[in-house]
Amino acid sequence: GATLEVEGLEGPVAVKVPAATQPGEIIELDRLGMPQLRRPERRGALRVVINVVIPRRLTDEQRSLNQQLADSLTDENLAAPEGLGAKLRRLLSSSR
C-alpha cells in the first residue's frame, strides 16, 4: 500500500491506498466531498478512483526489473477476475 496526496475541495488530502488495490477501485473519504445544498454544514464523501498509468518507454534496467517481477509471480499473487455480479454490486454501491 501507499499514502498518496490528491487535491480535495479545500486543498491537498492524504489518501491511504491499501496493498493490492486494483485499477478502477473507488476509495471514499467521508465528509470531504461536496456540501449538501440545504445543509452546507453536512458534506458528502470525496470519491477517489484508482487509475494506473503504464509507462510507454522503459530503460533496459527497468525492463529487466519488470521481467524479474513477472517471472516471480504465481497464481497466488494474482487476483481472480471480478465476476459480473461483483461488478454490479460494486457499481451500485458506489452510486449511492
C-alpha atoms as a PDB file:
ATOM      1  CA  GLY A   1       0.000   0.000   0.000  1.00  0.00           C
ATOM      2  CA  ALA A   2       0.862   3.656  -0.075  1.00  0.00           C
ATOM      3  CA  THR A   3      -0.301   7.057   1.068  1.00  0.00           C
ATOM      4  CA  LEU A   4      -0.895   9.444  -1.823  1.00  0.00           C
ATOM      5  CA  GLU A   5      -1.853  13.095  -1.912  1.00  0.00           C
ATOM      6  CA  VAL A   6      -4.850  14.158  -4.004  1.00  0.00           C
ATOM      7  CA  GLU A   7      -6.418  17.563  -4.480  1.00  0.00           C
ATOM      8  CA  GLY A   8      -9.551  17.937  -2.369  1.00  0.00           C
ATOM      9  CA  LEU A   9     -12.114  20.740  -2.378  1.00  0.00           C
ATOM     10  CA  GLU A  10     -10.156  22.700   0.205  1.00  0.00           C
ATOM     11  CA  GLY A  11      -6.602  21.648  -0.611  1.00  0.00           C
ATOM     12  CA  PRO A  12      -4.466  18.517  -0.548  1.00  0.00           C
ATOM     13  CA  VAL A  13      -5.832  15.372   1.128  1.00  0.00           C
ATOM     14  CA  ALA A  14      -3.835  12.266   2.130  1.00  0.00           C
ATOM     15  CA  VAL A  15      -5.356   9.030   0.816  1.00  0.00           C
ATOM     16  CA  LYS A  16      -4.296   5.636   2.167  1.00  0.00           C
ATOM     17  CA  VAL A  17      -4.313   3.150  -0.713  1.00  0.00           C
ATOM     18  CA  PRO A  18      -4.313  -0.442   0.588  1.00  0.00           C
ATOM     19  CA  ALA A  19      -1.936  -3.016  -0.873  1.00  0.00           C
ATOM     20  CA  ALA A  20      -3.390  -4.950  -3.841  1.00  0.00           C
ATOM     21  CA  THR A  21      -5.806  -2.129  -4.757  1.00  0.00           C
ATOM     22  CA  GLN A  22      -6.871  -2.667  -8.364  1.00  0.00           C
ATOM     23  CA  PRO A  23      -7.405  -0.120 -11.181  1.00  0.00           C
ATOM     24  CA  GLY A  24     -10.924   1.297 -11.148  1.00  0.00           C
ATOM     25  CA  GLU A  25     -11.454   0.737  -7.419  1.00  0.00           C
ATOM     26  CA  ILE A  26     -13.002   3.651  -5.544  1.00  0.00           C
ATOM     27  CA  ILE A  27     -11.823   4.915  -2.167  1.00  0.00           C
ATOM     28  CA  GLU A  28     -14.367   7.086  -0.341  1.00  0.00           C
ATOM     29  CA  LEU A  29     -13.289   9.775   2.112  1.00  0.00           C
ATOM     30  CA  ASP A  30     -16.261  10.622   4.321  1.00  0.00           C
ATOM     31  CA  ARG A  31     -17.197  14.280   4.912  1.00  0.00           C
ATOM     32  CA  LEU A  32     -14.612  15.619   2.450  1.00  0.00           C
ATOM     33  CA  GLY A  33     -16.921  15.921  -0.579  1.00  0.00           C
ATOM     34  CA  MET A  34     -19.468  18.492  -1.697  1.00  0.00           C
ATOM     35  CA  PRO A  35     -21.624  20.274   0.903  1.00  0.00           C
ATOM     36  CA  GLN A  36     -25.324  19.393   0.866  1.00  0.00           C
ATOM     37  CA  LEU A  37     -27.451  22.035  -0.823  1.00  0.00           C
ATOM     38  CA  ARG A  38     -29.800  22.807   2.069  1.00  0.00           C
ATOM     39  CA  ARG A  39     -27.416  21.812   4.849  1.00  0.00           C
ATOM     40  CA  PRO A  40     -23.978  23.155   3.919  1.00  0.00           C
ATOM     41  CA  GLU A  41     -22.550  22.051   7.280  1.00  0.00           C
ATOM     42  CA  ARG A  42     -23.033  18.439   6.115  1.00  0.00           C
ATOM     43  CA  ARG A  43     -20.750  17.095   3.432  1.00  0.00           C
ATOM     44  CA  GLY A  44     -20.758  14.042   1.243  1.00  0.00           C
ATOM     45  CA  ALA A  45     -17.882  11.699   0.502  1.00  0.00           C
ATOM     46  CA  LEU A  46     -14.954  12.567  -1.728  1.00  0.00           C
ATOM     47  CA  ARG A  47     -14.500   9.640  -4.119  1.00  0.00           C
ATOM     48  CA  VAL A  48     -11.040   8.787  -5.385  1.00  0.00           C
ATOM     49  CA  VAL A  49     -10.881   6.463  -8.406  1.00  0.00           C
ATOM     50  CA  ILE A  50      -7.650   4.478  -8.675  1.00  0.00           C
ATOM     51  CA  ASN A  51      -6.018   4.926 -12.082  1.00  0.00           C
ATOM     52  CA  VAL A  52      -2.843   3.064 -13.036  1.00  0.00           C
ATOM     53  CA  VAL A  53      -0.634   4.655 -15.674  1.00  0.00           C
ATOM     54  CA  ILE A  54       1.501   2.254 -17.710  1.00  0.00           C
ATOM     55  CA  PRO A  55       4.800   3.749 -18.924  1.00  0.00           C
ATOM     56  CA  ARG A  56       5.254   3.829 -22.692  1.00  0.00           C
ATOM     57  CA  ARG A  57       9.057   3.560 -22.638  1.00  0.00           C
ATOM     58  CA  LEU A  58      11.307   1.654 -20.266  1.00  0.00           C
ATOM     59  CA  THR A  59      15.070   1.649 -19.893  1.00  0.00           C
ATOM     60  CA  ASP A  60      16.868  -1.680 -20.214  1.00  0.00           C
ATOM     61  CA  GLU A  61      17.218  -1.805 -16.413  1.00  0.00           C
ATOM     62  CA  GLN A  62      13.502  -1.107 -15.896  1.00  0.00           C
ATOM     63  CA  ARG A  63      12.590  -3.763 -18.468  1.00  0.00           C
ATOM     64  CA  SER A  64      14.848  -6.277 -16.683  1.00  0.00           C
ATOM     65  CA  LEU A  65      13.296  -5.459 -13.288  1.00  0.00           C
ATOM     66  CA  ASN A  66       9.817  -5.770 -14.786  1.00  0.00           C
ATOM     67  CA  GLN A  67      10.720  -9.185 -16.213  1.00  0.00           C
ATOM     68  CA  GLN A  68      12.086 -10.303 -12.819  1.00  0.00           C
ATOM     69  CA  LEU A  69       8.785  -9.319 -11.210  1.00  0.00           C
ATOM     70  CA  ALA A  70       6.767 -11.123 -13.904  1.00  0.00           C
ATOM     71  CA  ASP A  71       8.888 -14.274 -13.508  1.00  0.00           C
ATOM     72  CA  SER A  72       8.399 -14.268  -9.725  1.00  0.00           C
ATOM     73  CA  LEU A  73       4.584 -14.027  -9.807  1.00  0.00           C
ATOM     74  CA  THR A  74       2.492 -17.093  -9.089  1.00  0.00           C
ATOM     75  CA  ASP A  75      -1.236 -17.779  -9.276  1.00  0.00           C
ATOM     76  CA  GLU A  76      -1.461 -16.896  -5.576  1.00  0.00           C
ATOM     77  CA  ASN A  77      -0.156 -13.374  -6.312  1.00  0.00           C
ATOM     78  CA  LEU A  78      -2.737 -12.651  -8.971  1.00  0.00           C
ATOM     79  CA  ALA A  79      -6.268 -11.612  -8.047  1.00  0.00           C
ATOM     80  CA  ALA A  80      -9.106 -13.628  -9.508  1.00  0.00           C
ATOM     81  CA  PRO A  81     -11.057 -11.746 -12.176  1.00  0.00           C
ATOM     82  CA  GLU A  82     -14.110  -9.959 -10.822  1.00  0.00           C
ATOM     83  CA  GLY A  83     -17.363 -11.633 -11.861  1.00  0.00           C
ATOM     84  CA  LEU A  84     -20.372  -9.806 -13.296  1.00  0.00           C
ATOM     85  CA  GLY A  85     -22.317  -9.989 -10.019  1.00  0.00           C
ATOM     86  CA  ALA A  86     -19.437  -8.488  -8.030  1.00  0.00           C
ATOM     87  CA  LYS A  87     -19.001  -5.708 -10.606  1.00  0.00           C
ATOM     88  CA  LEU A  88     -22.700  -4.839 -10.447  1.00  0.00           C
ATOM     89  CA  ARG A  89     -22.686  -4.795  -6.629  1.00  0.00           C
ATOM     90  CA  ARG A  90     -19.599  -2.544  -6.631  1.00  0.00           C
ATOM     91  CA  LEU A  91     -21.073  -0.160  -9.190  1.00  0.00           C
ATOM     92  CA  LEU A  92     -24.445   0.017  -7.463  1.00  0.00           C
ATOM     93  CA  SER A  93     -22.923   0.564  -4.019  1.00  0.00           C
ATOM     94  CA  SER A  94     -20.656   3.360  -5.313  1.00  0.00           C
ATOM     95  CA  SER A  95     -23.589   5.251  -6.869  1.00  0.00           C
ATOM     96  CA  ARG A  96     -25.325   5.814  -3.515  1.00  0.00           C
END
